[in-house]
PDB file of all heavy atoms in Angstrom:
ATOM      1  N   THR A   1       0.875  -1.255   0.066  1.00  0.00           N
ATOM      2  CA  THR A   1      -0.028   0.002   0.039  1.00  0.00           C
ATOM      3  C   THR A   1       0.854   1.223  -0.025  1.00  0.00           C
ATOM      4  O   THR A   1       1.888   1.320   0.735  1.00  0.00           O
ATOM      5  CB  THR A   1      -0.854   0.001   1.243  1.00  0.00           C
ATOM      6  OG1 THR A   1      -1.730  -1.157   1.273  1.00  0.00           O
ATOM      7  CG2 THR A   1      -1.882   1.202   1.272  1.00  0.00           C
ATOM      8  N   HIS A   2       0.443   2.300  -0.799  1.00  0.00           N
ATOM      9  CA  HIS A   2       1.165   3.521  -0.913  1.00  0.00           C
ATOM     10  C   HIS A   2       0.159   4.606  -0.968  1.00  0.00           C
ATOM     11  O   HIS A   2      -1.023   4.461  -1.476  1.00  0.00           O
ATOM     12  CB  HIS A   2       2.017   3.586  -2.147  1.00  0.00           C
ATOM     13  CG  HIS A   2       3.095   2.585  -2.171  1.00  0.00           C
ATOM     14  ND1 HIS A   2       4.285   2.742  -1.522  1.00  0.00           N
ATOM     15  CD2 HIS A   2       3.205   1.330  -2.853  1.00  0.00           C
ATOM     16  CE1 HIS A   2       5.092   1.595  -1.710  1.00  0.00           C
ATOM     17  NE2 HIS A   2       4.369   0.812  -2.568  1.00  0.00           N
ATOM     18  N   GLU A   3       0.571   5.836  -0.441  1.00  0.00           N
ATOM     19  CA  GLU A   3      -0.275   7.016  -0.454  1.00  0.00           C
ATOM     20  C   GLU A   3      -0.315   7.397  -2.004  1.00  0.00           C
ATOM     21  O   GLU A   3       0.738   7.397  -2.622  1.00  0.00           O
ATOM     22  CB  GLU A   3       0.412   8.078   0.422  1.00  0.00           C
ATOM     23  CG  GLU A   3       0.329   7.739   1.861  1.00  0.00           C
ATOM     24  CD  GLU A   3      -1.087   7.700   2.460  1.00  0.00           C
ATOM     25  OE1 GLU A   3      -1.933   8.571   2.056  1.00  0.00           O
ATOM     26  OE2 GLU A   3      -1.405   6.841   3.265  1.00  0.00           O
ATOM     27  N   PHE A   4      -1.434   7.949  -2.330  1.00  0.00           N
ATOM     28  CA  PHE A   4      -1.567   8.547  -3.736  1.00  0.00           C
ATOM     29  C   PHE A   4      -0.951   9.924  -3.685  1.00  0.00           C
ATOM     30  O   PHE A   4      -0.976  10.632  -2.720  1.00  0.00           O
ATOM     31  CB  PHE A   4      -2.987   8.721  -4.124  1.00  0.00           C
ATOM     32  CG  PHE A   4      -3.779   7.471  -4.346  1.00  0.00           C
ATOM     33  CD1 PHE A   4      -5.135   7.421  -4.114  1.00  0.00           C
ATOM     34  CD2 PHE A   4      -3.059   6.231  -4.775  1.00  0.00           C
ATOM     35  CE1 PHE A   4      -5.798   6.173  -4.305  1.00  0.00           C
ATOM     36  CE2 PHE A   4      -3.760   5.104  -4.923  1.00  0.00           C
ATOM     37  CZ  PHE A   4      -5.129   5.016  -4.646  1.00  0.00           C
ATOM     38  N   SER A   5      -0.281  10.382  -4.737  1.00  0.00           N
ATOM     39  CA  SER A   5       0.421  11.703  -4.883  1.00  0.00           C
ATOM     40  C   SER A   5      -0.704  12.731  -5.013  1.00  0.00           C
ATOM     41  O   SER A   5      -0.439  13.886  -4.654  1.00  0.00           O
ATOM     42  CB  SER A   5       1.352  11.693  -5.973  1.00  0.00           C
ATOM     43  OG  SER A   5       0.803  11.397  -7.201  1.00  0.00           O
ATOM     44  N   TYR A   6      -1.815  12.422  -5.505  1.00  0.00           N
ATOM     45  CA  TYR A   6      -2.886  13.315  -5.658  1.00  0.00           C
ATOM     46  C   TYR A   6      -4.183  12.732  -5.293  1.00  0.00           C
ATOM     47  O   TYR A   6      -4.577  11.606  -5.799  1.00  0.00           O
ATOM     48  CB  TYR A   6      -2.990  13.821  -7.148  1.00  0.00           C
ATOM     49  CG  TYR A   6      -4.079  14.800  -7.454  1.00  0.00           C
ATOM     50  CD1 TYR A   6      -4.014  16.132  -7.089  1.00  0.00           C
ATOM     51  CD2 TYR A   6      -5.271  14.274  -8.015  1.00  0.00           C
ATOM     52  CE1 TYR A   6      -5.073  16.971  -7.380  1.00  0.00           C
ATOM     53  CE2 TYR A   6      -6.322  15.189  -8.323  1.00  0.00           C
ATOM     54  CZ  TYR A   6      -6.206  16.476  -7.926  1.00  0.00           C
ATOM     55  OH  TYR A   6      -7.236  17.290  -8.227  1.00  0.00           O
ATOM     56  N   VAL A   7      -4.939  13.303  -4.300  1.00  0.00           N
ATOM     57  CA  VAL A   7      -6.137  12.684  -3.801  1.00  0.00           C
ATOM     58  C   VAL A   7      -7.294  13.541  -4.487  1.00  0.00           C
ATOM     59  O   VAL A   7      -7.446  14.603  -4.345  1.00  0.00           O
ATOM     60  CB  VAL A   7      -6.194  12.873  -2.234  1.00  0.00           C
ATOM     61  CG1 VAL A   7      -7.559  12.258  -1.724  1.00  0.00           C
ATOM     62  CG2 VAL A   7      -5.033  12.117  -1.576  1.00  0.00           C
ATOM     63  N   ALA A   8      -8.145  12.611  -5.154  1.00  0.00           N
ATOM     64  CA  ALA A   8      -9.265  13.255  -5.863  1.00  0.00           C
ATOM     65  C   ALA A   8     -10.502  12.559  -5.507  1.00  0.00           C
ATOM     66  O   ALA A   8     -11.395  12.318  -6.305  1.00  0.00           O
ATOM     67  CB  ALA A   8      -9.046  13.193  -7.386  1.00  0.00           C
ATOM     68  N   GLY A   9     -10.723  12.217  -4.167  1.00  0.00           N
ATOM     69  CA  GLY A   9     -11.949  11.603  -3.778  1.00  0.00           C
ATOM     70  C   GLY A   9     -11.801  11.121  -2.384  1.00  0.00           C
ATOM     71  O   GLY A   9     -10.907  11.652  -1.644  1.00  0.00           O
ATOM     72  N   LYS A  10     -12.489  10.045  -2.027  1.00  0.00           N
ATOM     73  CA  LYS A  10     -12.360   9.576  -0.725  1.00  0.00           C
ATOM     74  C   LYS A  10     -11.121   8.701  -0.382  1.00  0.00           C
ATOM     75  O   LYS A  10     -10.874   8.414   0.707  1.00  0.00           O
ATOM     76  CB  LYS A  10     -13.668   8.787  -0.297  1.00  0.00           C
ATOM     77  CG  LYS A  10     -13.931   7.648  -1.194  1.00  0.00           C
ATOM     78  CD  LYS A  10     -15.388   6.959  -0.863  1.00  0.00           C
ATOM     79  CE  LYS A  10     -15.515   5.752  -1.709  1.00  0.00           C
ATOM     80  NZ  LYS A  10     -16.753   5.220  -1.457  1.00  0.00           N
ATOM     81  N   LEU A  11     -10.497   8.139  -1.427  1.00  0.00           N
ATOM     82  CA  LEU A  11      -9.356   7.281  -1.305  1.00  0.00           C
ATOM     83  C   LEU A  11      -8.041   8.139  -1.220  1.00  0.00           C
ATOM     84  O   LEU A  11      -7.845   9.007  -1.997  1.00  0.00           O
ATOM     85  CB  LEU A  11      -9.259   6.282  -2.494  1.00  0.00           C
ATOM     86  CG  LEU A  11     -10.303   5.346  -2.637  1.00  0.00           C
ATOM     87  CD1 LEU A  11     -10.173   4.460  -3.822  1.00  0.00           C
ATOM     88  CD2 LEU A  11     -10.474   4.372  -1.403  1.00  0.00           C
ATOM     89  N   SER A  12      -7.192   7.824  -0.263  1.00  0.00           N
ATOM     90  CA  SER A  12      -5.967   8.522  -0.129  1.00  0.00           C
ATOM     91  C   SER A  12      -4.755   7.594  -0.500  1.00  0.00           C
ATOM     92  O   SER A  12      -3.649   7.971  -0.601  1.00  0.00           O
ATOM     93  CB  SER A  12      -5.778   9.161   1.198  1.00  0.00           C
ATOM     94  OG  SER A  12      -5.820   8.127   2.201  1.00  0.00           O
ATOM     95  N   SER A  13      -5.032   6.259  -0.424  1.00  0.00           N
ATOM     96  CA  SER A  13      -3.976   5.280  -0.744  1.00  0.00           C
ATOM     97  C   SER A  13      -4.560   4.122  -1.434  1.00  0.00           C
ATOM     98  O   SER A  13      -5.745   3.839  -1.570  1.00  0.00           O
ATOM     99  CB  SER A  13      -3.334   4.875   0.529  1.00  0.00           C
ATOM    100  OG  SER A  13      -4.200   4.218   1.409  1.00  0.00           O
ATOM    101  N   GLY A  14      -3.786   3.287  -1.960  1.00  0.00           N
ATOM    102  CA  GLY A  14      -4.085   2.038  -2.671  1.00  0.00           C
ATOM    103  C   GLY A  14      -3.044   0.994  -2.619  1.00  0.00           C
ATOM    104  O   GLY A  14      -1.823   1.290  -2.360  1.00  0.00           O
ATOM    105  N   TYR A  15      -3.363  -0.281  -2.942  1.00  0.00           N
ATOM    106  CA  TYR A  15      -2.467  -1.337  -2.992  1.00  0.00           C
ATOM    107  C   TYR A  15      -1.968  -1.423  -4.404  1.00  0.00           C
ATOM    108  O   TYR A  15      -2.806  -1.575  -5.419  1.00  0.00           O
ATOM    109  CB  TYR A  15      -3.123  -2.689  -2.595  1.00  0.00           C
ATOM    110  CG  TYR A  15      -2.146  -3.717  -2.318  1.00  0.00           C
ATOM    111  CD1 TYR A  15      -1.685  -4.012  -1.067  1.00  0.00           C
ATOM    112  CD2 TYR A  15      -1.743  -4.648  -3.332  1.00  0.00           C
ATOM    113  CE1 TYR A  15      -0.789  -5.002  -0.844  1.00  0.00           C
ATOM    114  CE2 TYR A  15      -0.839  -5.655  -3.091  1.00  0.00           C
ATOM    115  CZ  TYR A  15      -0.418  -5.861  -1.866  1.00  0.00           C
ATOM    116  OH  TYR A  15       0.535  -6.891  -1.599  1.00  0.00           O
ATOM    117  N   TYR A  16      -0.718  -1.325  -4.588  1.00  0.00           N
ATOM    118  CA  TYR A  16      -0.166  -1.293  -6.067  1.00  0.00           C
ATOM    119  C   TYR A  16       0.321  -2.734  -6.345  1.00  0.00           C
ATOM    120  O   TYR A  16       0.878  -3.391  -5.655  1.00  0.00           O
ATOM    121  CB  TYR A  16       1.053  -0.312  -6.072  1.00  0.00           C
ATOM    122  CG  TYR A  16       0.666   1.057  -6.134  1.00  0.00           C
ATOM    123  CD1 TYR A  16       0.150   1.666  -4.996  1.00  0.00           C
ATOM    124  CD2 TYR A  16       0.933   1.821  -7.232  1.00  0.00           C
ATOM    125  CE1 TYR A  16      -0.169   3.108  -4.979  1.00  0.00           C
ATOM    126  CE2 TYR A  16       0.682   3.157  -7.320  1.00  0.00           C
ATOM    127  CZ  TYR A  16       0.102   3.814  -6.089  1.00  0.00           C
ATOM    128  OH  TYR A  16      -0.209   5.166  -6.158  1.00  0.00           O
ATOM    129  N   VAL A  17       0.016  -3.002  -7.634  1.00  0.00           N
ATOM    130  CA  VAL A  17       0.374  -4.419  -8.230  1.00  0.00           C
ATOM    131  C   VAL A  17       0.937  -4.122  -9.587  1.00  0.00           C
ATOM    132  O   VAL A  17       0.124  -3.419 -10.481  1.00  0.00           O
ATOM    133  CB  VAL A  17      -0.727  -5.354  -8.162  1.00  0.00           C
ATOM    134  CG1 VAL A  17      -0.361  -6.717  -8.713  1.00  0.00           C
ATOM    135  CG2 VAL A  17      -1.344  -5.460  -6.824  1.00  0.00           C
ATOM    136  N   ASN A  18       1.991  -4.742 -10.106  1.00  0.00           N
ATOM    137  CA  ASN A  18       2.356  -4.850 -11.444  1.00  0.00           C
ATOM    138  C   ASN A  18       2.163  -6.165 -11.940  1.00  0.00           C
ATOM    139  O   ASN A  18       2.517  -7.250 -11.444  1.00  0.00           O
ATOM    140  CB  ASN A  18       3.972  -4.578 -11.588  1.00  0.00           C
ATOM    141  CG  ASN A  18       4.356  -3.182 -11.278  1.00  0.00           C
ATOM    142  OD1 ASN A  18       3.500  -2.215 -11.546  1.00  0.00           O
ATOM    143  ND2 ASN A  18       5.561  -2.947 -10.914  1.00  0.00           N
ATOM    144  N   PHE A  19       1.426  -6.239 -13.123  1.00  0.00           N
ATOM    145  CA  PHE A  19       1.178  -7.475 -13.770  1.00  0.00           C
ATOM    146  C   PHE A  19       1.986  -7.418 -15.075  1.00  0.00           C
ATOM    147  O   PHE A  19       1.785  -6.531 -15.904  1.00  0.00           O
ATOM    148  CB  PHE A  19      -0.248  -7.665 -14.180  1.00  0.00           C
ATOM    149  CG  PHE A  19      -1.247  -7.753 -13.062  1.00  0.00           C
ATOM    150  CD1 PHE A  19      -1.775  -6.704 -12.442  1.00  0.00           C
ATOM    151  CD2 PHE A  19      -1.517  -9.074 -12.589  1.00  0.00           C
ATOM    152  CE1 PHE A  19      -2.658  -6.791 -11.314  1.00  0.00           C
ATOM    153  CE2 PHE A  19      -2.341  -9.213 -11.487  1.00  0.00           C
ATOM    154  CZ  PHE A  19      -2.940  -8.111 -10.807  1.00  0.00           C
ATOM    155  N   ILE A  20       2.932  -8.292 -15.251  1.00  0.00           N
ATOM    156  CA  ILE A  20       3.751  -8.375 -16.568  1.00  0.00           C
ATOM    157  C   ILE A  20       3.281  -9.579 -17.231  1.00  0.00           C
ATOM    158  O   ILE A  20       3.099 -10.654 -16.807  1.00  0.00           O
ATOM    159  CB  ILE A  20       5.210  -8.487 -16.138  1.00  0.00           C
ATOM    160  CG1 ILE A  20       5.672  -7.292 -15.356  1.00  0.00           C
ATOM    161  CG2 ILE A  20       6.096  -8.588 -17.408  1.00  0.00           C
ATOM    162  CD1 ILE A  20       7.127  -7.352 -14.838  1.00  0.00           C
ATOM    163  N   PHE A  21       2.775  -9.210 -18.410  1.00  0.00           N
ATOM    164  CA  PHE A  21       2.122 -10.206 -19.330  1.00  0.00           C
ATOM    165  C   PHE A  21       2.470 -10.127 -20.798  1.00  0.00           C
ATOM    166  O   PHE A  21       3.007  -9.090 -21.284  1.00  0.00           O
ATOM    167  CB  PHE A  21       0.587 -10.124 -19.170  1.00  0.00           C
ATOM    168  CG  PHE A  21       0.040  -8.871 -19.722  1.00  0.00           C
ATOM    169  CD1 PHE A  21      -0.543  -8.789 -21.016  1.00  0.00           C
ATOM    170  CD2 PHE A  21      -0.054  -7.657 -18.946  1.00  0.00           C
ATOM    171  CE1 PHE A  21      -0.986  -7.555 -21.425  1.00  0.00           C
ATOM    172  CE2 PHE A  21      -0.560  -6.582 -19.349  1.00  0.00           C
ATOM    173  CZ  PHE A  21      -1.091  -6.528 -20.664  1.00  0.00           C
ATOM    174  N   GLU A  22       2.218 -11.172 -21.507  1.00  0.00           N
ATOM    175  CA  GLU A  22       2.284 -11.222 -22.932  1.00  0.00           C
ATOM    176  C   GLU A  22       0.941 -11.520 -23.561  1.00  0.00           C
ATOM    177  O   GLU A  22       0.187 -12.278 -22.966  1.00  0.00           O
ATOM    178  CB  GLU A  22       3.346 -12.258 -23.416  1.00  0.00           C
ATOM    179  CG  GLU A  22       4.771 -12.054 -23.178  1.00  0.00           C
ATOM    180  CD  GLU A  22       5.660 -12.956 -23.867  1.00  0.00           C
ATOM    181  OE1 GLU A  22       5.466 -13.398 -24.944  1.00  0.00           O
ATOM    182  OE2 GLU A  22       6.712 -13.414 -23.176  1.00  0.00           O
ATOM    183  N   GLY A  23       0.820 -10.960 -24.737  1.00  0.00           N
ATOM    184  CA  GLY A  23      -0.497 -11.267 -25.410  1.00  0.00           C
ATOM    185  C   GLY A  23      -0.452 -10.728 -26.835  1.00  0.00           C
ATOM    186  O   GLY A  23       0.487 -10.130 -27.258  1.00  0.00           O
ATOM    187  N   GLU A  24      -1.436 -11.127 -27.638  1.00  0.00           N
ATOM    188  CA  GLU A  24      -1.556 -10.750 -28.941  1.00  0.00           C
ATOM    189  C   GLU A  24      -1.869  -9.275 -29.094  1.00  0.00           C
ATOM    190  O   GLU A  24      -2.354  -8.621 -28.190  1.00  0.00           O
ATOM    191  CB  GLU A  24      -2.749 -11.551 -29.732  1.00  0.00           C
ATOM    192  CG  GLU A  24      -2.490 -13.080 -29.744  1.00  0.00           C
ATOM    193  CD  GLU A  24      -1.256 -13.498 -30.480  1.00  0.00           C
ATOM    194  OE1 GLU A  24      -1.048 -12.787 -31.661  1.00  0.00           O
ATOM    195  OE2 GLU A  24      -0.506 -14.340 -30.076  1.00  0.00           O
ATOM    196  N   PRO A  25      -1.545  -8.668 -30.337  1.00  0.00           N
ATOM    197  CA  PRO A  25      -1.821  -7.199 -30.464  1.00  0.00           C
ATOM    198  C   PRO A  25      -3.271  -7.025 -30.207  1.00  0.00           C
ATOM    199  O   PRO A  25      -4.206  -7.798 -30.614  1.00  0.00           O
ATOM    200  CB  PRO A  25      -1.504  -7.074 -31.974  1.00  0.00           C
ATOM    201  CG  PRO A  25      -0.424  -8.085 -32.262  1.00  0.00           C
ATOM    202  CD  PRO A  25      -0.873  -9.207 -31.416  1.00  0.00           C
ATOM    203  N   GLY A  26      -3.577  -5.864 -29.582  1.00  0.00           N
ATOM    204  CA  GLY A  26      -4.981  -5.549 -29.285  1.00  0.00           C
ATOM    205  C   GLY A  26      -5.486  -5.947 -27.911  1.00  0.00           C
ATOM    206  O   GLY A  26      -6.588  -5.532 -27.459  1.00  0.00           O
ATOM    207  N   ILE A  27      -4.687  -6.725 -27.309  1.00  0.00           N
ATOM    208  CA  ILE A  27      -5.091  -7.286 -25.896  1.00  0.00           C
ATOM    209  C   ILE A  27      -5.114  -6.118 -24.954  1.00  0.00           C
ATOM    210  O   ILE A  27      -6.047  -6.134 -24.019  1.00  0.00           O
ATOM    211  CB  ILE A  27      -4.227  -8.369 -25.467  1.00  0.00           C
ATOM    212  CG1 ILE A  27      -4.903  -9.081 -24.214  1.00  0.00           C
ATOM    213  CG2 ILE A  27      -2.742  -7.921 -25.080  1.00  0.00           C
ATOM    214  CD1 ILE A  27      -4.270 -10.383 -23.865  1.00  0.00           C
ATOM    215  N   THR A  28      -4.219  -5.155 -25.040  1.00  0.00           N
ATOM    216  CA  THR A  28      -4.234  -4.116 -24.070  1.00  0.00           C
ATOM    217  C   THR A  28      -5.562  -3.256 -24.134  1.00  0.00           C
ATOM    218  O   THR A  28      -6.084  -2.922 -23.117  1.00  0.00           O
ATOM    219  CB  THR A  28      -3.023  -3.099 -24.311  1.00  0.00           C
ATOM    220  OG1 THR A  28      -1.845  -3.862 -24.279  1.00  0.00           O
ATOM    221  CG2 THR A  28      -2.973  -2.024 -23.245  1.00  0.00           C
ATOM    222  N   LYS A  29      -5.993  -3.000 -25.330  1.00  0.00           N
ATOM    223  CA  LYS A  29      -7.370  -2.414 -25.369  1.00  0.00           C
ATOM    224  C   LYS A  29      -8.518  -3.151 -24.830  1.00  0.00           C
ATOM    225  O   LYS A  29      -9.294  -2.596 -24.067  1.00  0.00           O
ATOM    226  CB  LYS A  29      -7.661  -2.166 -26.890  1.00  0.00           C
ATOM    227  CG  LYS A  29      -9.023  -1.470 -27.199  1.00  0.00           C
ATOM    228  CD  LYS A  29      -9.330  -1.296 -28.580  1.00  0.00           C
ATOM    229  CE  LYS A  29     -10.582  -0.520 -28.745  1.00  0.00           C
ATOM    230  NZ  LYS A  29     -11.007  -0.486 -30.130  1.00  0.00           N
ATOM    231  N   LYS A  30      -8.466  -4.544 -24.946  1.00  0.00           N
ATOM    232  CA  LYS A  30      -9.497  -5.237 -24.266  1.00  0.00           C
ATOM    233  C   LYS A  30      -9.386  -5.167 -22.821  1.00  0.00           C
ATOM    234  O   LYS A  30     -10.397  -5.129 -22.105  1.00  0.00           O
ATOM    235  CB  LYS A  30      -9.375  -6.807 -24.809  1.00  0.00           C
ATOM    236  CG  LYS A  30      -9.716  -6.986 -26.179  1.00  0.00           C
ATOM    237  CD  LYS A  30      -9.560  -8.461 -26.551  1.00  0.00           C
ATOM    238  CE  LYS A  30      -9.728  -8.753 -27.997  1.00  0.00           C
ATOM    239  NZ  LYS A  30      -9.470 -10.140 -28.311  1.00  0.00           N
ATOM    240  N   LEU A  31      -8.213  -5.232 -22.323  1.00  0.00           N
ATOM    241  CA  LEU A  31      -7.971  -5.276 -20.925  1.00  0.00           C
ATOM    242  C   LEU A  31      -8.329  -3.925 -20.279  1.00  0.00           C
ATOM    243  O   LEU A  31      -8.927  -3.868 -19.293  1.00  0.00           O
ATOM    244  CB  LEU A  31      -6.514  -5.577 -20.470  1.00  0.00           C
ATOM    245  CG  LEU A  31      -6.095  -7.047 -20.741  1.00  0.00           C
ATOM    246  CD1 LEU A  31      -4.552  -7.167 -20.663  1.00  0.00           C
ATOM    247  CD2 LEU A  31      -6.801  -7.927 -19.782  1.00  0.00           C
ATOM    248  N   LYS A  32      -7.967  -2.795 -20.997  1.00  0.00           N
ATOM    249  CA  LYS A  32      -8.368  -1.467 -20.509  1.00  0.00           C
ATOM    250  C   LYS A  32      -9.912  -1.379 -20.418  1.00  0.00           C
ATOM    251  O   LYS A  32     -10.413  -0.887 -19.449  1.00  0.00           O
ATOM    252  CB  LYS A  32      -7.934  -0.426 -21.567  1.00  0.00           C
ATOM    253  CG  LYS A  32      -6.477  -0.071 -21.390  1.00  0.00           C
ATOM    254  CD  LYS A  32      -6.025   1.072 -22.382  1.00  0.00           C
ATOM    255  CE  LYS A  32      -4.574   1.355 -22.336  1.00  0.00           C
ATOM    256  NZ  LYS A  32      -4.138   2.324 -23.267  1.00  0.00           N
ATOM    257  N   GLU A  33     -10.672  -1.868 -21.412  1.00  0.00           N
ATOM    258  CA  GLU A  33     -12.092  -1.771 -21.398  1.00  0.00           C
ATOM    259  C   GLU A  33     -12.663  -2.602 -20.213  1.00  0.00           C
ATOM    260  O   GLU A  33     -13.620  -2.178 -19.552  1.00  0.00           O
ATOM    261  CB  GLU A  33     -12.686  -2.380 -22.729  1.00  0.00           C
ATOM    262  CG  GLU A  33     -12.420  -1.418 -23.848  1.00  0.00           C
ATOM    263  CD  GLU A  33     -12.759  -1.956 -25.186  1.00  0.00           C
ATOM    264  OE1 GLU A  33     -13.109  -3.154 -25.304  1.00  0.00           O
ATOM    265  OE2 GLU A  33     -12.644  -1.200 -26.233  1.00  0.00           O
TER     266      GLU A  33
END
């Protein structure tokens, strides 16, 4: 958990996670959605 550098609501911190993955072109768009 780390404090957010900019608070824009009721949350002031969050649990950070990095997911490193491979996928076909276009997968990032699907994941974002």
